[in-house]
Amino acid sequence: MLNEHTIMSEHARLRIHIAPLGFESDRVVLPAIDMKADKVWILTHNDPKKTDAQSYLNDIKSRLKKTRIEFEIMKLNRLDLSSTIKGVRTIMNEGKENTYYVNVSSGSKIQAVACTMACMMFNQKNNLIPYYIQPKDYYEYEGGQMSTGLEKIIYVPKYEIKTPEDKLVQSLQIIKTNDNRITKSNLATVAEEKGIIKIGAKMDNHKQARFASLDKNIIQPLKNDWGFVKENKDGRTRWVELTPEGERILEILN
């Protein structure tokens, strides 16, 4: 029996669609049918009381079941850019060999921007494909679908947004777990213990070499290239602190 959690072959390269839920169903269902989707992830708001889209969700689920397309629901904050970006990344990480078609036309403007950004940030294997649905008809009245039909599927040009290296993300996480602020000395110690920085100096010069490696390989890129940390001094103690941008990128990448 087909349901929301039907298990598919782990070895097949699957066509997975990701579509935010808006106030229409054709823009989700019709491209999934036309493009022969194996599965559709529907991104819904995590607080159903704050959206009136439940009737469209019910219609989408019913129509996908009839066409025997598997679907699953992920609840996210549709008003938060980071929430949707992270959601797309989470879905993609469950099966990196699959091809993911990301619908940037079915939800809100925030979700459209978030889905487009996710495709730019995480498309290392060229398997995240954003697309826009041009409907046949648009409607201006309230109480029904804003558009119906499928006129054209428009593939969005692929661009890249670079993300920081893993060692930089790990370093940000270390700072985060210390209430967003850590002494430079402690950061150097933990970074060495975790293998984020490597020291080749002799023991009598080890501490100085560790600080130099931390500065060159971690602090300077995070501060100057990305703007994710800042440094300050309190007496003789040097501190490394997350910036708001550093906190936001961690919400997405962790």
C-alpha atoms as a PDB file:
ATOM      1  CA  MET A   1       0.000   0.000   0.000  1.00  0.00           C
ATOM      2  CA  LEU A   2       1.396   3.415  -0.984  1.00  0.00           C
ATOM      3  CA  ASN A   3       1.664   5.954   1.825  1.00  0.00           C
ATOM      4  CA  GLU A   4       3.691   8.945   2.915  1.00  0.00           C
ATOM      5  CA  HIS A   5       6.603   6.816   4.060  1.00  0.00           C
ATOM      6  CA  THR A   6       6.903   4.184   1.325  1.00  0.00           C
ATOM      7  CA  ILE A   7      10.508   2.952   1.259  1.00  0.00           C
ATOM      8  CA  MET A   8      12.227   3.156  -2.135  1.00  0.00           C
ATOM      9  CA  SER A   9      15.307   1.388  -3.422  1.00  0.00           C
ATOM     10  CA  GLU A  10      18.508   2.659  -1.841  1.00  0.00           C
ATOM     11  CA  HIS A  11      20.477   1.963  -5.022  1.00  0.00           C
ATOM     12  CA  ALA A  12      18.380   3.817  -7.608  1.00  0.00           C
ATOM     13  CA  ARG A  13      19.158   7.373  -8.654  1.00  0.00           C
ATOM     14  CA  LEU A  14      15.834   8.943  -7.809  1.00  0.00           C
ATOM     15  CA  ARG A  15      14.121  12.113  -9.023  1.00  0.00           C
ATOM     16  CA  ILE A  16      13.200  13.945  -5.835  1.00  0.00           C
ATOM     17  CA  HIS A  17      11.122  17.123  -5.934  1.00  0.00           C
ATOM     18  CA  ILE A  18      11.193  19.709  -3.141  1.00  0.00           C
ATOM     19  CA  ALA A  19       8.243  22.094  -3.107  1.00  0.00           C
ATOM     20  CA  PRO A  20       7.161  24.660  -0.498  1.00  0.00           C
ATOM     21  CA  LEU A  21       3.439  24.700   0.188  1.00  0.00           C
ATOM     22  CA  GLY A  22       1.588  27.824  -0.906  1.00  0.00           C
ATOM     23  CA  PHE A  23      -1.999  28.639  -1.758  1.00  0.00           C
ATOM     24  CA  GLU A  24      -2.241  26.443  -4.828  1.00  0.00           C
ATOM     25  CA  SER A  25      -1.709  22.805  -5.660  1.00  0.00           C
ATOM     26  CA  ASP A  26      -1.199  22.634  -9.445  1.00  0.00           C
ATOM     27  CA  ARG A  27       2.256  24.186  -9.144  1.00  0.00           C
ATOM     28  CA  VAL A  28       3.314  21.266  -6.923  1.00  0.00           C
ATOM     29  CA  VAL A  29       1.460  18.352  -8.476  1.00  0.00           C
ATOM     30  CA  LEU A  30       1.630  19.008 -12.223  1.00  0.00           C
ATOM     31  CA  PRO A  31       5.437  19.370 -12.539  1.00  0.00           C
ATOM     32  CA  ALA A  32       5.912  16.275 -10.369  1.00  0.00           C
ATOM     33  CA  ILE A  33       3.737  14.308 -12.800  1.00  0.00           C
ATOM     34  CA  ASP A  34       5.228  15.900 -15.924  1.00  0.00           C
ATOM     35  CA  MET A  35       8.812  15.285 -14.776  1.00  0.00           C
ATOM     36  CA  LYS A  36       8.069  11.765 -13.499  1.00  0.00           C
ATOM     37  CA  ALA A  37       9.064  12.437  -9.912  1.00  0.00           C
ATOM     38  CA  ASP A  38       9.767   9.450  -7.681  1.00  0.00           C
ATOM     39  CA  LYS A  39       9.049  11.446  -4.559  1.00  0.00           C
ATOM     40  CA  VAL A  40       7.920  14.917  -3.505  1.00  0.00           C
ATOM     41  CA  TRP A  41       8.994  16.627  -0.300  1.00  0.00           C
ATOM     42  CA  ILE A  42       6.348  19.187   0.676  1.00  0.00           C
ATOM     43  CA  LEU A  43       7.669  21.995   2.877  1.00  0.00           C
ATOM     44  CA  THR A  44       4.866  23.158   5.170  1.00  0.00           C
ATOM     45  CA  HIS A  45       4.719  25.792   7.896  1.00  0.00           C
ATOM     46  CA  ASN A  46       5.545  24.467  11.363  1.00  0.00           C
ATOM     47  CA  ASP A  47       2.584  26.333  12.859  1.00  0.00           C
ATOM     48  CA  PRO A  48      -0.547  25.360  10.871  1.00  0.00           C
ATOM     49  CA  LYS A  49      -2.611  27.885  12.854  1.00  0.00           C
ATOM     50  CA  LYS A  50      -0.716  30.681  11.082  1.00  0.00           C
ATOM     51  CA  THR A  51      -1.511  29.537   7.547  1.00  0.00           C
ATOM     52  CA  ASP A  52      -4.681  28.786   5.607  1.00  0.00           C
ATOM     53  CA  ALA A  53      -3.022  26.350   3.214  1.00  0.00           C
ATOM     54  CA  GLN A  54      -4.286  23.099   4.741  1.00  0.00           C
ATOM     55  CA  SER A  55      -6.915  22.562   2.037  1.00  0.00           C
ATOM     56  CA  TYR A  56      -4.206  22.814  -0.637  1.00  0.00           C
ATOM     57  CA  LEU A  57      -2.000  20.367   1.253  1.00  0.00           C
ATOM     58  CA  ASN A  58      -4.883  17.884   1.422  1.00  0.00           C
ATOM     59  CA  ASP A  59      -5.480  18.270  -2.312  1.00  0.00           C
ATOM     60  CA  ILE A  60      -1.776  17.777  -3.108  1.00  0.00           C
ATOM     61  CA  LYS A  61      -1.578  14.645  -0.983  1.00  0.00           C
ATOM     62  CA  SER A  62      -4.715  13.189  -2.547  1.00  0.00           C
ATOM     63  CA  ARG A  63      -3.558  13.825  -6.116  1.00  0.00           C
ATOM     64  CA  LEU A  64      -0.051  12.482  -5.519  1.00  0.00           C
ATOM     65  CA  LYS A  65      -1.486   9.310  -4.024  1.00  0.00           C
ATOM     66  CA  LYS A  66      -3.696   8.827  -7.076  1.00  0.00           C
ATOM     67  CA  THR A  67      -0.692   9.120  -9.358  1.00  0.00           C
ATOM     68  CA  ARG A  68       1.360   6.824  -7.088  1.00  0.00           C
ATOM     69  CA  ILE A  69       4.046   9.428  -6.381  1.00  0.00           C
ATOM     70  CA  GLU A  70       5.505   9.064  -2.930  1.00  0.00           C
ATOM     71  CA  PHE A  71       5.537  12.169  -0.758  1.00  0.00           C
ATOM     72  CA  GLU A  72       6.745  13.277   2.631  1.00  0.00           C
ATOM     73  CA  ILE A  73       6.183  16.434   4.639  1.00  0.00           C
ATOM     74  CA  MET A  74       8.811  18.576   6.341  1.00  0.00           C
ATOM     75  CA  LYS A  75       7.615  21.244   8.767  1.00  0.00           C
ATOM     76  CA  LEU A  76       9.650  24.453   8.701  1.00  0.00           C
ATOM     77  CA  ASN A  77       9.225  28.098   9.568  1.00  0.00           C
ATOM     78  CA  ARG A  78       8.140  29.531   6.211  1.00  0.00           C
ATOM     79  CA  LEU A  79       8.909  33.047   7.479  1.00  0.00           C
ATOM     80  CA  ASP A  80      12.542  32.242   8.253  1.00  0.00           C
ATOM     81  CA  LEU A  81      15.088  32.133   5.429  1.00  0.00           C
ATOM     82  CA  SER A  82      17.560  29.936   7.303  1.00  0.00           C
ATOM     83  CA  SER A  83      14.920  27.356   8.198  1.00  0.00           C
ATOM     84  CA  THR A  84      14.085  26.619   4.563  1.00  0.00           C
ATOM     85  CA  ILE A  85      17.715  26.632   3.413  1.00  0.00           C
ATOM     86  CA  LYS A  86      18.601  24.136   6.126  1.00  0.00           C
ATOM     87  CA  GLY A  87      15.549  22.024   5.272  1.00  0.00           C
ATOM     88  CA  VAL A  88      16.625  21.683   1.638  1.00  0.00           C
ATOM     89  CA  ARG A  89      20.127  20.729   2.762  1.00  0.00           C
ATOM     90  CA  THR A  90      18.780  18.115   5.186  1.00  0.00           C
ATOM     91  CA  ILE A  91      16.666  16.489   2.477  1.00  0.00           C
ATOM     92  CA  MET A  92      19.563  16.451   0.014  1.00  0.00           C
ATOM     93  CA  ASN A  93      21.935  14.903   2.552  1.00  0.00           C
ATOM     94  CA  GLU A  94      19.661  11.879   2.975  1.00  0.00           C
ATOM     95  CA  GLY A  95      20.498  10.699  -0.531  1.00  0.00           C
ATOM     96  CA  LYS A  96      23.307  12.642  -2.150  1.00  0.00           C
ATOM     97  CA  GLU A  97      23.312  10.482  -5.288  1.00  0.00           C
ATOM     98  CA  ASN A  98      19.743  11.431  -6.168  1.00  0.00           C
ATOM     99  CA  THR A  99      18.717  14.347  -8.372  1.00  0.00           C
ATOM    100  CA  TYR A 100      16.758  17.059  -6.571  1.00  0.00           C
ATOM    101  CA  TYR A 101      14.393  19.345  -8.463  1.00  0.00           C
ATOM    102  CA  VAL A 102      13.626  22.378  -6.305  1.00  0.00           C
ATOM    103  CA  ASN A 103      10.396  24.243  -7.010  1.00  0.00           C
ATOM    104  CA  VAL A 104      11.019  27.968  -6.477  1.00  0.00           C
ATOM    105  CA  SER A 105       7.515  29.030  -7.540  1.00  0.00           C
ATOM    106  CA  SER A 106       5.128  27.116  -5.288  1.00  0.00           C
ATOM    107  CA  GLY A 107       5.521  28.902  -1.944  1.00  0.00           C
ATOM    108  CA  SER A 108       6.138  32.361  -0.522  1.00  0.00           C
ATOM    109  CA  LYS A 109       8.759  34.846  -1.738  1.00  0.00           C
ATOM    110  CA  ILE A 110      10.923  34.068   1.291  1.00  0.00           C
ATOM    111  CA  GLN A 111      10.781  30.356   0.483  1.00  0.00           C
ATOM    112  CA  ALA A 112      11.574  31.031  -3.172  1.00  0.00           C
ATOM    113  CA  VAL A 113      14.690  32.994  -2.206  1.00  0.00           C
ATOM    114  CA  ALA A 114      15.691  30.352   0.355  1.00  0.00           C
ATOM    115  CA  CYS A 115      15.273  27.474  -2.102  1.00  0.00           C
ATOM    116  CA  THR A 116      17.277  29.326  -4.755  1.00  0.00           C
ATOM    117  CA  MET A 117      20.040  30.096  -2.252  1.00  0.00           C
ATOM    118  CA  ALA A 118      20.155  26.459  -1.114  1.00  0.00           C
ATOM    119  CA  CYS A 119      20.701  25.357  -4.718  1.00  0.00           C
ATOM    120  CA  MET A 120      23.564  27.843  -5.014  1.00  0.00           C
ATOM    121  CA  MET A 121      25.159  26.835  -1.710  1.00  0.00           C
ATOM    122  CA  PHE A 122      24.954  23.025  -1.776  1.00  0.00           C
ATOM    123  CA  ASN A 123      25.130  22.048  -5.447  1.00  0.00           C
ATOM    124  CA  GLN A 124      28.635  20.567  -5.360  1.00  0.00           C
ATOM    125  CA  LYS A 125      27.519  17.448  -7.260  1.00  0.00           C
ATOM    126  CA  ASN A 126      25.367  19.403  -9.715  1.00  0.00           C
ATOM    127  CA  ASN A 127      22.298  17.489  -8.535  1.00  0.00           C
ATOM    128  CA  LEU A 128      20.209  20.397  -7.224  1.00  0.00           C
ATOM    129  CA  ILE A 129      18.104  21.825 -10.042  1.00  0.00           C
ATOM    130  CA  PRO A 130      15.884  24.855  -9.321  1.00  0.00           C
ATOM    131  CA  TYR A 131      12.882  25.381 -11.564  1.00  0.00           C
ATOM    132  CA  TYR A 132       9.991  27.799 -11.920  1.00  0.00           C
ATOM    133  CA  ILE A 133       6.475  26.876 -13.058  1.00  0.00           C
ATOM    134  CA  GLN A 134       4.668  29.171 -15.453  1.00  0.00           C
ATOM    135  CA  PRO A 135       0.946  28.419 -15.047  1.00  0.00           C
ATOM    136  CA  LYS A 136      -1.607  28.558 -17.835  1.00  0.00           C
ATOM    137  CA  ASP A 137      -3.950  30.890 -15.954  1.00  0.00           C
ATOM    138  CA  TYR A 138      -3.647  33.408 -13.127  1.00  0.00           C
ATOM    139  CA  TYR A 139      -6.490  34.577 -10.882  1.00  0.00           C
ATOM    140  CA  GLU A 140      -6.831  37.758  -8.868  1.00  0.00           C
ATOM    141  CA  TYR A 141      -9.758  36.800  -6.651  1.00  0.00           C
ATOM    142  CA  GLU A 142      -9.413  35.395  -3.145  1.00  0.00           C
ATOM    143  CA  GLY A 143     -10.690  32.031  -2.012  1.00  0.00           C
ATOM    144  CA  GLY A 144      -9.252  29.843  -4.760  1.00  0.00           C
ATOM    145  CA  GLN A 145      -5.966  28.887  -6.342  1.00  0.00           C
ATOM    146  CA  MET A 146      -3.869  31.854  -7.407  1.00  0.00           C
ATOM    147  CA  SER A 147      -3.023  30.019 -10.622  1.00  0.00           C
ATOM    148  CA  THR A 148      -3.898  26.797 -12.419  1.00  0.00           C
ATOM    149  CA  GLY A 149      -2.436  24.578 -15.081  1.00  0.00           C
ATOM    150  CA  LEU A 150       1.085  24.115 -16.383  1.00  0.00           C
ATOM    151  CA  GLU A 151       2.200  26.214 -19.330  1.00  0.00           C
ATOM    152  CA  LYS A 152       5.961  25.842 -19.058  1.00  0.00           C
ATOM    153  CA  ILE A 153       8.735  24.566 -16.767  1.00  0.00           C
ATOM    154  CA  ILE A 154      11.560  27.109 -16.619  1.00  0.00           C
ATOM    155  CA  TYR A 155      14.909  25.925 -15.287  1.00  0.00           C
ATOM    156  CA  VAL A 156      16.671  28.588 -13.237  1.00  0.00           C
ATOM    157  CA  PRO A 157      20.313  29.296 -14.262  1.00  0.00           C
ATOM    158  CA  LYS A 158      22.826  27.754 -11.882  1.00  0.00           C
ATOM    159  CA  TYR A 159      25.156  29.993  -9.923  1.00  0.00           C
ATOM    160  CA  GLU A 160      27.343  29.217  -6.944  1.00  0.00           C
ATOM    161  CA  ILE A 161      27.458  30.673  -3.449  1.00  0.00           C
ATOM    162  CA  LYS A 162      30.618  29.480  -1.728  1.00  0.00           C
ATOM    163  CA  THR A 163      30.402  28.078   1.794  1.00  0.00           C
ATOM    164  CA  PRO A 164      33.246  27.944   4.348  1.00  0.00           C
ATOM    165  CA  GLU A 165      35.507  24.908   4.612  1.00  0.00           C
ATOM    166  CA  ASP A 166      34.632  22.213   7.135  1.00  0.00           C
ATOM    167  CA  LYS A 167      37.480  23.238   9.448  1.00  0.00           C
ATOM    168  CA  LEU A 168      36.074  26.755   9.642  1.00  0.00           C
ATOM    169  CA  VAL A 169      32.568  25.496  10.360  1.00  0.00           C
ATOM    170  CA  GLN A 170      33.974  23.218  13.086  1.00  0.00           C
ATOM    171  CA  SER A 171      35.749  26.193  14.625  1.00  0.00           C
ATOM    172  CA  LEU A 172      32.543  28.226  14.605  1.00  0.00           C
ATOM    173  CA  GLN A 173      30.797  25.348  16.349  1.00  0.00           C
ATOM    174  CA  ILE A 174      33.450  25.277  19.072  1.00  0.00           C
ATOM    175  CA  ILE A 175      32.850  28.983  19.703  1.00  0.00           C
ATOM    176  CA  LYS A 176      29.081  28.438  19.634  1.00  0.00           C
ATOM    177  CA  THR A 177      29.227  25.709  22.294  1.00  0.00           C
ATOM    178  CA  ASN A 178      31.077  28.152  24.549  1.00  0.00           C
ATOM    179  CA  ASP A 179      28.248  30.696  24.557  1.00  0.00           C
ATOM    180  CA  ASN A 180      29.433  32.324  21.322  1.00  0.00           C
ATOM    181  CA  ARG A 181      32.674  33.534  22.943  1.00  0.00           C
ATOM    182  CA  ILE A 182      35.926  31.747  23.744  1.00  0.00           C
ATOM    183  CA  THR A 183      39.445  32.752  24.687  1.00  0.00           C
ATOM    184  CA  LYS A 184      41.916  32.478  21.854  1.00  0.00           C
ATOM    185  CA  SER A 185      44.064  30.199  24.011  1.00  0.00           C
ATOM    186  CA  ASN A 186      41.203  27.754  24.627  1.00  0.00           C
ATOM    187  CA  LEU A 187      40.172  27.807  20.981  1.00  0.00           C
ATOM    188  CA  ALA A 188      43.732  26.955  19.951  1.00  0.00           C
ATOM    189  CA  THR A 189      43.839  24.044  22.398  1.00  0.00           C
ATOM    190  CA  VAL A 190      40.501  22.570  21.306  1.00  0.00           C
ATOM    191  CA  ALA A 191      41.247  23.112  17.612  1.00  0.00           C
ATOM    192  CA  GLU A 192      44.487  21.159  17.956  1.00  0.00           C
ATOM    193  CA  GLU A 193      42.802  18.382  19.935  1.00  0.00           C
ATOM    194  CA  LYS A 194      40.174  17.989  17.211  1.00  0.00           C
ATOM    195  CA  GLY A 195      42.750  18.023  14.429  1.00  0.00           C
ATOM    196  CA  ILE A 196      41.449  21.273  12.958  1.00  0.00           C
ATOM    197  CA  ILE A 197      44.953  22.740  13.085  1.00  0.00           C
ATOM    198  CA  LYS A 198      48.201  20.799  12.969  1.00  0.00           C
ATOM    199  CA  ILE A 199      51.442  21.858  14.603  1.00  0.00           C
ATOM    200  CA  GLY A 200      54.859  20.807  13.358  1.00  0.00           C
ATOM    201  CA  ALA A 201      57.004  22.811  15.769  1.00  0.00           C
ATOM    202  CA  LYS A 202      59.161  21.391  18.516  1.00  0.00           C
ATOM    203  CA  MET A 203      57.755  21.361  22.061  1.00  0.00           C
ATOM    204  CA  ASP A 204      59.735  24.423  23.214  1.00  0.00           C
ATOM    205  CA  ASN A 205      58.049  26.481  20.477  1.00  0.00           C
ATOM    206  CA  HIS A 206      54.770  24.616  20.424  1.00  0.00           C
ATOM    207  CA  LYS A 207      52.479  27.219  21.989  1.00  0.00           C
ATOM    208  CA  GLN A 208      53.689  29.997  19.711  1.00  0.00           C
ATOM    209  CA  ALA A 209      53.341  27.757  16.644  1.00  0.00           C
ATOM    210  CA  ARG A 210      49.824  26.793  17.680  1.00  0.00           C
ATOM    211  CA  PHE A 211      48.750  30.435  17.923  1.00  0.00           C
ATOM    212  CA  ALA A 212      50.324  31.172  14.538  1.00  0.00           C
ATOM    213  CA  SER A 213      48.501  28.242  12.932  1.00  0.00           C
ATOM    214  CA  LEU A 214      45.194  29.246  14.498  1.00  0.00           C
ATOM    215  CA  ASP A 215      45.608  32.827  13.287  1.00  0.00           C
ATOM    216  CA  LYS A 216      46.585  31.931   9.729  1.00  0.00           C
ATOM    217  CA  ASN A 217      44.256  28.987   9.082  1.00  0.00           C
ATOM    218  CA  ILE A 218      41.193  29.789  11.202  1.00  0.00           C
ATOM    219  CA  ILE A 219      40.914  33.271  12.696  1.00  0.00           C
ATOM    220  CA  GLN A 220      41.992  35.343   9.702  1.00  0.00           C
ATOM    221  CA  PRO A 221      39.765  33.547   7.152  1.00  0.00           C
ATOM    222  CA  LEU A 222      36.762  33.642   9.498  1.00  0.00           C
ATOM    223  CA  LYS A 223      37.301  37.309  10.327  1.00  0.00           C
ATOM    224  CA  ASN A 224      38.604  38.841   7.102  1.00  0.00           C
ATOM    225  CA  ASP A 225      37.177  36.614   4.366  1.00  0.00           C
ATOM    226  CA  TRP A 226      33.799  35.712   5.861  1.00  0.00           C
ATOM    227  CA  GLY A 227      33.079  38.183   8.669  1.00  0.00           C
ATOM    228  CA  PHE A 228      31.910  35.338  10.929  1.00  0.00           C
ATOM    229  CA  VAL A 229      34.035  36.200  13.997  1.00  0.00           C
ATOM    230  CA  LYS A 230      35.554  39.225  15.667  1.00  0.00           C
ATOM    231  CA  GLU A 231      38.415  39.551  18.136  1.00  0.00           C
ATOM    232  CA  ASN A 232      38.617  41.680  21.247  1.00  0.00           C
ATOM    233  CA  LYS A 233      40.909  42.036  24.236  1.00  0.00           C
ATOM    234  CA  ASP A 234      40.012  42.147  27.928  1.00  0.00           C
ATOM    235  CA  GLY A 235      43.135  42.888  29.931  1.00  0.00           C
ATOM    236  CA  ARG A 236      45.697  40.318  28.819  1.00  0.00           C
ATOM    237  CA  THR A 237      43.058  37.890  27.578  1.00  0.00           C
ATOM    238  CA  ARG A 238      42.211  37.727  23.893  1.00  0.00           C
ATOM    239  CA  TRP A 239      38.705  36.605  22.940  1.00  0.00           C
ATOM    240  CA  VAL A 240      37.165  35.291  19.740  1.00  0.00           C
ATOM    241  CA  GLU A 241      33.443  35.939  19.355  1.00  0.00           C
ATOM    242  CA  LEU A 242      30.793  34.994  16.794  1.00  0.00           C
ATOM    243  CA  THR A 243      29.257  37.795  14.765  1.00  0.00           C
ATOM    244  CA  PRO A 244      25.535  37.687  13.867  1.00  0.00           C
ATOM    245  CA  GLU A 245      26.573  36.450  10.418  1.00  0.00           C
ATOM    246  CA  GLY A 246      28.552  33.635  12.045  1.00  0.00           C
ATOM    247  CA  GLU A 247      25.559  32.606  14.106  1.00  0.00           C
ATOM    248  CA  ARG A 248      23.297  32.599  11.037  1.00  0.00           C
ATOM    249  CA  ILE A 249      25.603  30.440   8.926  1.00  0.00           C
ATOM    250  CA  LEU A 250      25.805  27.904  11.748  1.00  0.00           C
ATOM    251  CA  GLU A 251      22.013  27.680  11.815  1.00  0.00           C
ATOM    252  CA  ILE A 252      22.157  26.637   8.178  1.00  0.00           C
ATOM    253  CA  LEU A 253      25.253  24.411   8.103  1.00  0.00           C
ATOM    254  CA  ASN A 254      24.781  22.476  11.370  1.00  0.00           C
END
